[in-house]
Full PDB file with SEQRES, HELIX, SHEET, SSBOND, CRYST1, ORIGX, SCALE, CONECT and MASTER records, all heavy atoms in Angstrom:
SEQRES   1 A   35  VAL VAL ALA GLU ALA SER THR GLY HIS GLU ALA VAL GLU          
SEQRES   2 A   35  ALA ALA CYS ARG LEU LYS PRO ASP LEU VAL LEU MET ASP          
SEQRES   3 A   35  ILE SER LEU PRO GLY LEU ASP GLY VAL                          
HELIX    1 AA1 GLY A    8  LEU A   18  1                                  11    
CRYST1    1.000    1.000    1.000  90.00  90.00  90.00 P 1           1          
ORIGX1      1.000000  0.000000  0.000000        0.00000                         
ORIGX2      0.000000  1.000000  0.000000        0.00000                         
ORIGX3      0.000000  0.000000  1.000000        0.00000                         
SCALE1      1.000000  0.000000  0.000000        0.00000                         
SCALE2      0.000000  1.000000  0.000000        0.00000                         
SCALE3      0.000000  0.000000  1.000000        0.00000                         
ATOM      1  N   VAL A   1     107.781-129.253 -82.034  1.00  0.00           N  
ATOM      2  CA  VAL A   1     106.359-129.295 -82.330  1.00  0.00           C  
ATOM      3  C   VAL A   1     105.673-129.874 -81.092  1.00  0.00           C  
ATOM      4  O   VAL A   1     105.889-131.032 -80.747  1.00  0.00           O  
ATOM      5  CB  VAL A   1     106.067-130.161 -83.574  1.00  0.00           C  
ATOM      6  CG1 VAL A   1     104.573-130.252 -83.819  1.00  0.00           C  
ATOM      7  CG2 VAL A   1     106.780-129.589 -84.800  1.00  0.00           C  
ATOM      8  N   VAL A   2     104.882-129.043 -80.413  1.00  0.00           N  
ATOM      9  CA  VAL A   2     104.224-129.490 -79.184  1.00  0.00           C  
ATOM     10  C   VAL A   2     102.843-130.068 -79.444  1.00  0.00           C  
ATOM     11  O   VAL A   2     102.289-130.762 -78.588  1.00  0.00           O  
ATOM     12  CB  VAL A   2     104.143-128.363 -78.128  1.00  0.00           C  
ATOM     13  CG1 VAL A   2     105.538-127.968 -77.663  1.00  0.00           C  
ATOM     14  CG2 VAL A   2     103.373-127.162 -78.640  1.00  0.00           C  
ATOM     15  N   ALA A   3     102.291-129.801 -80.639  1.00  0.00           N  
ATOM     16  CA  ALA A   3     100.999-130.376 -81.021  1.00  0.00           C  
ATOM     17  C   ALA A   3     100.836-130.246 -82.525  1.00  0.00           C  
ATOM     18  O   ALA A   3     101.400-129.341 -83.152  1.00  0.00           O  
ATOM     19  CB  ALA A   3      99.847-129.680 -80.308  1.00  0.00           C  
ATOM     20  N   GLU A   4     100.064-131.171 -83.063  1.00  0.00           N  
ATOM     21  CA  GLU A   4      99.696-131.119 -84.468  1.00  0.00           C  
ATOM     22  C   GLU A   4      98.179-131.064 -84.552  1.00  0.00           C  
ATOM     23  O   GLU A   4      97.490-131.645 -83.710  1.00  0.00           O  
ATOM     24  CB  GLU A   4     100.217-132.355 -85.211  1.00  0.00           C  
ATOM     25  CG  GLU A   4     101.721-132.421 -85.268  1.00  0.00           C  
ATOM     26  CD  GLU A   4     102.235-133.641 -86.016  1.00  0.00           C  
ATOM     27  OE1 GLU A   4     101.427-134.369 -86.632  1.00  0.00           O  
ATOM     28  OE2 GLU A   4     103.450-133.869 -85.976  1.00  0.00           O  
ATOM     29  N   ALA A   5      97.693-130.355 -85.562  1.00  0.00           N  
ATOM     30  CA  ALA A   5      96.253-130.229 -85.763  1.00  0.00           C  
ATOM     31  C   ALA A   5      95.951-130.453 -87.234  1.00  0.00           C  
ATOM     32  O   ALA A   5      96.717-130.024 -88.098  1.00  0.00           O  
ATOM     33  CB  ALA A   5      95.785-128.842 -85.335  1.00  0.00           C  
ATOM     34  N   SER A   6      94.839-131.127 -87.510  1.00  0.00           N  
ATOM     35  CA  SER A   6      94.455-131.354 -88.901  1.00  0.00           C  
ATOM     36  C   SER A   6      93.227-130.546 -89.297  1.00  0.00           C  
ATOM     37  O   SER A   6      92.813-130.571 -90.447  1.00  0.00           O  
ATOM     38  CB  SER A   6      94.205-132.851 -89.145  1.00  0.00           C  
ATOM     39  OG  SER A   6      93.170-133.318 -88.315  1.00  0.00           O  
ATOM     40  N   THR A   7      92.656-129.815 -88.331  1.00  0.00           N  
ATOM     41  CA  THR A   7      91.502-128.948 -88.607  1.00  0.00           C  
ATOM     42  C   THR A   7      91.710-127.601 -87.915  1.00  0.00           C  
ATOM     43  O   THR A   7      92.518-127.489 -86.990  1.00  0.00           O  
ATOM     44  CB  THR A   7      90.187-129.560 -88.077  1.00  0.00           C  
ATOM     45  OG1 THR A   7      90.200-129.538 -86.651  1.00  0.00           O  
ATOM     46  CG2 THR A   7      89.965-130.979 -88.585  1.00  0.00           C  
ATOM     47  N   GLY A   8      90.938-126.636 -88.339  1.00  0.00           N  
ATOM     48  CA  GLY A   8      91.009-125.332 -87.695  1.00  0.00           C  
ATOM     49  C   GLY A   8      90.567-125.379 -86.242  1.00  0.00           C  
ATOM     50  O   GLY A   8      91.156-124.720 -85.380  1.00  0.00           O  
ATOM     51  N   HIS A   9      89.539-126.165 -85.962  1.00  0.00           N  
ATOM     52  CA  HIS A   9      89.060-126.291 -84.577  1.00  0.00           C  
ATOM     53  C   HIS A   9      90.141-126.887 -83.678  1.00  0.00           C  
ATOM     54  O   HIS A   9      90.352-126.409 -82.559  1.00  0.00           O  
ATOM     55  CB  HIS A   9      87.791-127.142 -84.519  1.00  0.00           C  
ATOM     56  CG  HIS A   9      86.609-126.492 -85.158  1.00  0.00           C  
ATOM     57  ND1 HIS A   9      85.963-125.396 -84.618  1.00  0.00           N  
ATOM     58  CD2 HIS A   9      85.956-126.767 -86.316  1.00  0.00           C  
ATOM     59  CE1 HIS A   9      84.968-125.025 -85.402  1.00  0.00           C  
ATOM     60  NE2 HIS A   9      84.945-125.842 -86.447  1.00  0.00           N  
ATOM     61  N   GLU A  10      90.843-127.916 -84.170  1.00  0.00           N  
ATOM     62  CA  GLU A  10      91.928-128.524 -83.390  1.00  0.00           C  
ATOM     63  C   GLU A  10      93.056-127.512 -83.163  1.00  0.00           C  
ATOM     64  O   GLU A  10      93.652-127.479 -82.087  1.00  0.00           O  
ATOM     65  CB  GLU A  10      92.492-129.752 -84.105  1.00  0.00           C  
ATOM     66  CG  GLU A  10      91.571-130.946 -84.125  1.00  0.00           C  
ATOM     67  CD  GLU A  10      92.119-132.097 -84.946  1.00  0.00           C  
ATOM     68  OE1 GLU A  10      93.247-131.998 -85.509  1.00  0.00           O  
ATOM     69  OE2 GLU A  10      91.418-133.118 -85.059  1.00  0.00           O  
ATOM     70  N   ALA A  11      93.333-126.685 -84.159  1.00  0.00           N  
ATOM     71  CA  ALA A  11      94.393-125.678 -84.037  1.00  0.00           C  
ATOM     72  C   ALA A  11      94.053-124.651 -82.964  1.00  0.00           C  
ATOM     73  O   ALA A  11      94.895-124.294 -82.141  1.00  0.00           O  
ATOM     74  CB  ALA A  11      94.631-124.989 -85.380  1.00  0.00           C  
ATOM     75  N   VAL A  12      92.812-124.183 -82.949  1.00  0.00           N  
ATOM     76  CA  VAL A  12      92.383-123.205 -81.951  1.00  0.00           C  
ATOM     77  C   VAL A  12      92.472-123.821 -80.560  1.00  0.00           C  
ATOM     78  O   VAL A  12      93.009-123.202 -79.622  1.00  0.00           O  
ATOM     79  CB  VAL A  12      90.944-122.703 -82.234  1.00  0.00           C  
ATOM     80  CG1 VAL A  12      90.433-121.831 -81.099  1.00  0.00           C  
ATOM     81  CG2 VAL A  12      90.903-121.944 -83.561  1.00  0.00           C  
ATOM     82  N   GLU A  13      91.978-125.037 -80.407  1.00  0.00           N  
ATOM     83  CA  GLU A  13      92.002-125.712 -79.105  1.00  0.00           C  
ATOM     84  C   GLU A  13      93.435-125.887 -78.611  1.00  0.00           C  
ATOM     85  O   GLU A  13      93.760-125.573 -77.474  1.00  0.00           O  
ATOM     86  CB  GLU A  13      91.295-127.076 -79.208  1.00  0.00           C  
ATOM     87  CG  GLU A  13      91.109-127.779 -77.880  1.00  0.00           C  
ATOM     88  CD  GLU A  13      92.345-128.527 -77.410  1.00  0.00           C  
ATOM     89  OE1 GLU A  13      93.100-129.061 -78.233  1.00  0.00           O  
ATOM     90  OE2 GLU A  13      92.566-128.566 -76.181  1.00  0.00           O  
ATOM     91  N   ALA A  14      94.325-126.370 -79.478  1.00  0.00           N  
ATOM     92  CA  ALA A  14      95.723-126.594 -79.086  1.00  0.00           C  
ATOM     93  C   ALA A  14      96.418-125.280 -78.750  1.00  0.00           C  
ATOM     94  O   ALA A  14      97.169-125.186 -77.779  1.00  0.00           O  
ATOM     95  CB  ALA A  14      96.470-127.327 -80.194  1.00  0.00           C  
ATOM     96  N   ALA A  15      96.167-124.249 -79.546  1.00  0.00           N  
ATOM     97  CA  ALA A  15      96.810-122.949 -79.307  1.00  0.00           C  
ATOM     98  C   ALA A  15      96.401-122.367 -77.957  1.00  0.00           C  
ATOM     99  O   ALA A  15      97.244-121.882 -77.204  1.00  0.00           O  
ATOM    100  CB  ALA A  15      96.467-121.977 -80.433  1.00  0.00           C  
ATOM    101  N   CYS A  16      95.121-122.428 -77.649  1.00  0.00           N  
ATOM    102  CA  CYS A  16      94.646-121.830 -76.398  1.00  0.00           C  
ATOM    103  C   CYS A  16      94.999-122.687 -75.191  1.00  0.00           C  
ATOM    104  O   CYS A  16      95.226-122.162 -74.101  1.00  0.00           O  
ATOM    105  CB  CYS A  16      93.148-121.572 -76.485  1.00  0.00           C  
ATOM    106  SG  CYS A  16      92.752-120.244 -77.663  1.00  0.00           S  
ATOM    107  N   ARG A  17      95.078-123.988 -75.364  1.00  0.00           N  
ATOM    108  CA  ARG A  17      95.418-124.877 -74.244  1.00  0.00           C  
ATOM    109  C   ARG A  17      96.914-124.862 -73.954  1.00  0.00           C  
ATOM    110  O   ARG A  17      97.338-124.791 -72.810  1.00  0.00           O  
ATOM    111  CB  ARG A  17      94.968-126.307 -74.571  1.00  0.00           C  
ATOM    112  CG  ARG A  17      95.310-127.336 -73.499  1.00  0.00           C  
ATOM    113  CD  ARG A  17      94.709-128.705 -73.794  1.00  0.00           C  
ATOM    114  NE  ARG A  17      94.865-129.161 -75.152  1.00  0.00           N  
ATOM    115  CZ  ARG A  17      95.928-129.830 -75.620  1.00  0.00           C  
ATOM    116  NH1 ARG A  17      96.929-130.119 -74.821  1.00  0.00           N  
ATOM    117  NH2 ARG A  17      95.971-130.220 -76.878  1.00  0.00           N  
ATOM    118  N   LEU A  18      97.745-124.882 -75.004  1.00  0.00           N  
ATOM    119  CA  LEU A  18      99.193-125.023 -74.831  1.00  0.00           C  
ATOM    120  C   LEU A  18      99.947-123.696 -74.812  1.00  0.00           C  
ATOM    121  O   LEU A  18     101.097-123.649 -74.388  1.00  0.00           O  
ATOM    122  CB  LEU A  18      99.762-125.922 -75.935  1.00  0.00           C  
ATOM    123  CG  LEU A  18      99.234-127.349 -75.943  1.00  0.00           C  
ATOM    124  CD1 LEU A  18      99.681-128.071 -77.205  1.00  0.00           C  
ATOM    125  CD2 LEU A  18      99.691-128.088 -74.697  1.00  0.00           C  
ATOM    126  N   LYS A  19      99.344-122.644 -75.333  1.00  0.00           N  
ATOM    127  CA  LYS A  19      99.997-121.326 -75.401  1.00  0.00           C  
ATOM    128  C   LYS A  19     101.405-121.430 -76.005  1.00  0.00           C  
ATOM    129  O   LYS A  19     102.398-121.059 -75.374  1.00  0.00           O  
ATOM    130  CB  LYS A  19     100.081-120.679 -74.022  1.00  0.00           C  
ATOM    131  CG  LYS A  19      98.765-120.563 -73.294  1.00  0.00           C  
ATOM    132  CD  LYS A  19      97.937-119.426 -73.796  1.00  0.00           C  
ATOM    133  CE  LYS A  19      96.775-119.097 -72.891  1.00  0.00           C  
ATOM    134  NZ  LYS A  19      95.574-119.831 -73.150  1.00  0.00           N  
ATOM    135  N   PRO A  20     101.505-121.944 -77.237  1.00  0.00           N  
ATOM    136  CA  PRO A  20     102.825-122.075 -77.870  1.00  0.00           C  
ATOM    137  C   PRO A  20     103.385-120.705 -78.239  1.00  0.00           C  
ATOM    138  O   PRO A  20     102.677-119.698 -78.211  1.00  0.00           O  
ATOM    139  CB  PRO A  20     102.519-122.894 -79.129  1.00  0.00           C  
ATOM    140  CG  PRO A  20     101.132-122.459 -79.486  1.00  0.00           C  
ATOM    141  CD  PRO A  20     100.430-122.301 -78.148  1.00  0.00           C  
ATOM    142  N   ASP A  21     104.646-120.692 -78.622  1.00  0.00           N  
ATOM    143  CA  ASP A  21     105.247-119.454 -79.113  1.00  0.00           C  
ATOM    144  C   ASP A  21     104.676-119.086 -80.475  1.00  0.00           C  
ATOM    145  O   ASP A  21     104.599-117.908 -80.826  1.00  0.00           O  
ATOM    146  CB  ASP A  21     106.766-119.617 -79.229  1.00  0.00           C  
ATOM    147  CG  ASP A  21     107.399-119.903 -77.889  1.00  0.00           C  
ATOM    148  OD1 ASP A  21     107.228-119.077 -76.974  1.00  0.00           O  
ATOM    149  OD2 ASP A  21     108.050-120.955 -77.746  1.00  0.00           O  
ATOM    150  N   LEU A  22     104.281-120.117 -81.237  1.00  0.00           N  
ATOM    151  CA  LEU A  22     103.851-119.879 -82.610  1.00  0.00           C  
ATOM    152  C   LEU A  22     102.937-121.004 -83.079  1.00  0.00           C  
ATOM    153  O   LEU A  22     103.150-122.165 -82.729  1.00  0.00           O  
ATOM    154  CB  LEU A  22     105.076-119.820 -83.523  1.00  0.00           C  
ATOM    155  CG  LEU A  22     104.887-119.320 -84.940  1.00  0.00           C  
ATOM    156  CD1 LEU A  22     104.639-117.817 -84.953  1.00  0.00           C  
ATOM    157  CD2 LEU A  22     106.110-119.627 -85.772  1.00  0.00           C  
ATOM    158  N   VAL A  23     101.933-120.635 -83.875  1.00  0.00           N  
ATOM    159  CA  VAL A  23     101.113-121.611 -84.592  1.00  0.00           C  
ATOM    160  C   VAL A  23     101.439-121.443 -86.065  1.00  0.00           C  
ATOM    161  O   VAL A  23     101.332-120.339 -86.604  1.00  0.00           O  
ATOM    162  CB  VAL A  23      99.603-121.397 -84.369  1.00  0.00           C  
ATOM    163  CG1 VAL A  23      98.787-122.362 -85.228  1.00  0.00           C  
ATOM    164  CG2 VAL A  23      99.250-121.539 -82.903  1.00  0.00           C  
ATOM    165  N   LEU A  24     101.873-122.513 -86.689  1.00  0.00           N  
ATOM    166  CA  LEU A  24     102.106-122.527 -88.127  1.00  0.00           C  
ATOM    167  C   LEU A  24     100.826-123.058 -88.751  1.00  0.00           C  
ATOM    168  O   LEU A  24     100.487-124.231 -88.601  1.00  0.00           O  
ATOM    169  CB  LEU A  24     103.310-123.414 -88.451  1.00  0.00           C  
ATOM    170  CG  LEU A  24     103.937-123.280 -89.821  1.00  0.00           C  
ATOM    171  CD1 LEU A  24     104.351-121.840 -90.115  1.00  0.00           C  
ATOM    172  CD2 LEU A  24     105.146-124.197 -89.930  1.00  0.00           C  
ATOM    173  N   MET A  25     100.062-122.183 -89.405  1.00  0.00           N  
ATOM    174  CA  MET A  25      98.676-122.443 -89.791  1.00  0.00           C  
ATOM    175  C   MET A  25      98.493-122.553 -91.299  1.00  0.00           C  
ATOM    176  O   MET A  25      98.674-121.576 -92.034  1.00  0.00           O  
ATOM    177  CB  MET A  25      97.806-121.286 -89.279  1.00  0.00           C  
ATOM    178  CG  MET A  25      96.348-121.380 -89.606  1.00  0.00           C  
ATOM    179  SD  MET A  25      95.463-122.500 -88.543  1.00  0.00           S  
ATOM    180  CE  MET A  25      95.463-121.593 -87.000  1.00  0.00           C  
ATOM    181  N   ASP A  26      98.139-123.755 -91.743  1.00  0.00           N  
ATOM    182  CA  ASP A  26      97.746-123.937 -93.141  1.00  0.00           C  
ATOM    183  C   ASP A  26      96.479-123.118 -93.377  1.00  0.00           C  
ATOM    184  O   ASP A  26      95.604-123.054 -92.507  1.00  0.00           O  
ATOM    185  CB  ASP A  26      97.499-125.419 -93.412  1.00  0.00           C  
ATOM    186  CG  ASP A  26      97.127-125.722 -94.853  1.00  0.00           C  
ATOM    187  OD1 ASP A  26      97.423-124.899 -95.751  1.00  0.00           O  
ATOM    188  OD2 ASP A  26      96.543-126.791 -95.092  1.00  0.00           O  
ATOM    189  N   ILE A  27      96.380-122.514 -94.518  1.00  0.00           N  
ATOM    190  CA  ILE A  27      95.202-121.687 -94.806  1.00  0.00           C  
ATOM    191  C   ILE A  27      93.999-122.543 -95.164  1.00  0.00           C  
ATOM    192  O   ILE A  27      92.879-122.262 -94.770  1.00  0.00           O  
ATOM    193  CB  ILE A  27      95.521-120.679 -95.944  1.00  0.00           C  
ATOM    194  CG1 ILE A  27      96.538-119.668 -95.436  1.00  0.00           C  
ATOM    195  CG2 ILE A  27      94.261-119.989 -96.429  1.00  0.00           C  
ATOM    196  CD1 ILE A  27      97.028-118.705 -96.480  1.00  0.00           C  
ATOM    197  N   SER A  28      94.228-123.628 -95.869  1.00  0.00           N  
ATOM    198  CA  SER A  28      93.131-124.484 -96.348  1.00  0.00           C  
ATOM    199  C   SER A  28      92.924-125.666 -95.410  1.00  0.00           C  
ATOM    200  O   SER A  28      93.417-126.757 -95.648  1.00  0.00           O  
ATOM    201  CB  SER A  28      93.443-124.994 -97.753  1.00  0.00           C  
ATOM    202  OG  SER A  28      93.640-123.920 -98.637  1.00  0.00           O  
ATOM    203  N   LEU A  29      92.195-125.433 -94.330  1.00  0.00           N  
ATOM    204  CA  LEU A  29      91.860-126.502 -93.390  1.00  0.00           C  
ATOM    205  C   LEU A  29      90.373-126.820 -93.509  1.00  0.00           C  
ATOM    206  O   LEU A  29      89.576-125.931 -93.816  1.00  0.00           O  
ATOM    207  CB  LEU A  29      92.172-126.066 -91.951  1.00  0.00           C  
ATOM    208  CG  LEU A  29      93.644-125.852 -91.613  1.00  0.00           C  
ATOM    209  CD1 LEU A  29      93.784-125.240 -90.227  1.00  0.00           C  
ATOM    210  CD2 LEU A  29      94.404-127.158 -91.698  1.00  0.00           C  
ATOM    211  N   PRO A  30      90.000-128.073 -93.260  1.00  0.00           N  
ATOM    212  CA  PRO A  30      88.573-128.424 -93.344  1.00  0.00           C  
ATOM    213  C   PRO A  30      87.779-127.833 -92.183  1.00  0.00           C  
ATOM    214  O   PRO A  30      88.312-127.592 -91.100  1.00  0.00           O  
ATOM    215  CB  PRO A  30      88.595-129.955 -93.270  1.00  0.00           C  
ATOM    216  CG  PRO A  30      89.859-130.311 -92.595  1.00  0.00           C  
ATOM    217  CD  PRO A  30      90.841-129.225 -92.945  1.00  0.00           C  
ATOM    218  N   GLY A  31      86.509-127.599 -92.441  1.00  0.00           N  
ATOM    219  CA  GLY A  31      85.640-127.022 -91.403  1.00  0.00           C  
ATOM    220  C   GLY A  31      85.970-125.562 -91.211  1.00  0.00           C  
ATOM    221  O   GLY A  31      85.649-124.722 -92.046  1.00  0.00           O  
ATOM    222  N   LEU A  32      86.638-125.273 -90.140  1.00  0.00           N  
ATOM    223  CA  LEU A  32      87.100-123.919 -89.834  1.00  0.00           C  
ATOM    224  C   LEU A  32      88.423-123.713 -90.566  1.00  0.00           C  
ATOM    225  O   LEU A  32      89.428-124.327 -90.214  1.00  0.00           O  
ATOM    226  CB  LEU A  32      87.275-123.785 -88.316  1.00  0.00           C  
ATOM    227  CG  LEU A  32      87.598-122.416 -87.759  1.00  0.00           C  
ATOM    228  CD1 LEU A  32      86.394-121.488 -87.902  1.00  0.00           C  
ATOM    229  CD2 LEU A  32      87.995-122.540 -86.299  1.00  0.00           C  
ATOM    230  N   ASP A  33      88.431-122.872 -91.593  1.00  0.00           N  
ATOM    231  CA  ASP A  33      89.674-122.714 -92.365  1.00  0.00           C  
ATOM    232  C   ASP A  33      90.721-121.940 -91.573  1.00  0.00           C  
ATOM    233  O   ASP A  33      90.459-121.433 -90.479  1.00  0.00           O  
ATOM    234  CB  ASP A  33      89.406-122.071 -93.734  1.00  0.00           C  
ATOM    235  CG  ASP A  33      88.978-120.610 -93.663  1.00  0.00           C  
ATOM    236  OD1 ASP A  33      89.238-119.926 -92.650  1.00  0.00           O  
ATOM    237  OD2 ASP A  33      88.395-120.137 -94.652  1.00  0.00           O  
ATOM    238  N   GLY A  34      91.925-121.879 -92.116  1.00  0.00           N  
ATOM    239  CA  GLY A  34      93.040-121.243 -91.419  1.00  0.00           C  
ATOM    240  C   GLY A  34      92.831-119.771 -91.135  1.00  0.00           C  
ATOM    241  O   GLY A  34      93.301-119.255 -90.115  1.00  0.00           O  
ATOM    242  N   VAL A  35      92.126-119.079 -91.998  1.00  0.00           N  
ATOM    243  CA  VAL A  35      91.860-117.651 -91.788  1.00  0.00           C  
ATOM    244  C   VAL A  35      90.943-117.472 -90.583  1.00  0.00           C  
ATOM    245  O   VAL A  35      91.226-116.684 -89.674  1.00  0.00           O  
ATOM    246  CB  VAL A  35      91.255-117.005 -93.061  1.00  0.00           C  
ATOM    247  CG1 VAL A  35      90.875-115.557 -92.812  1.00  0.00           C  
ATOM    248  CG2 VAL A  35      92.228-117.118 -94.239  1.00  0.00           C  
TER     249      VAL A  35                                                      
MASTER        0    0    0    1    0    0    0    6  248    1    0    3          
END                                                                             
């Protein structure tokens, strides 16, 4: 696990900054949901 995110915005930022092999995305995230 190279990063953890608790919101959709954090997930997008981490994914684009770190370019991981995979993002495991909860669907029900606050603010910007997983979809």
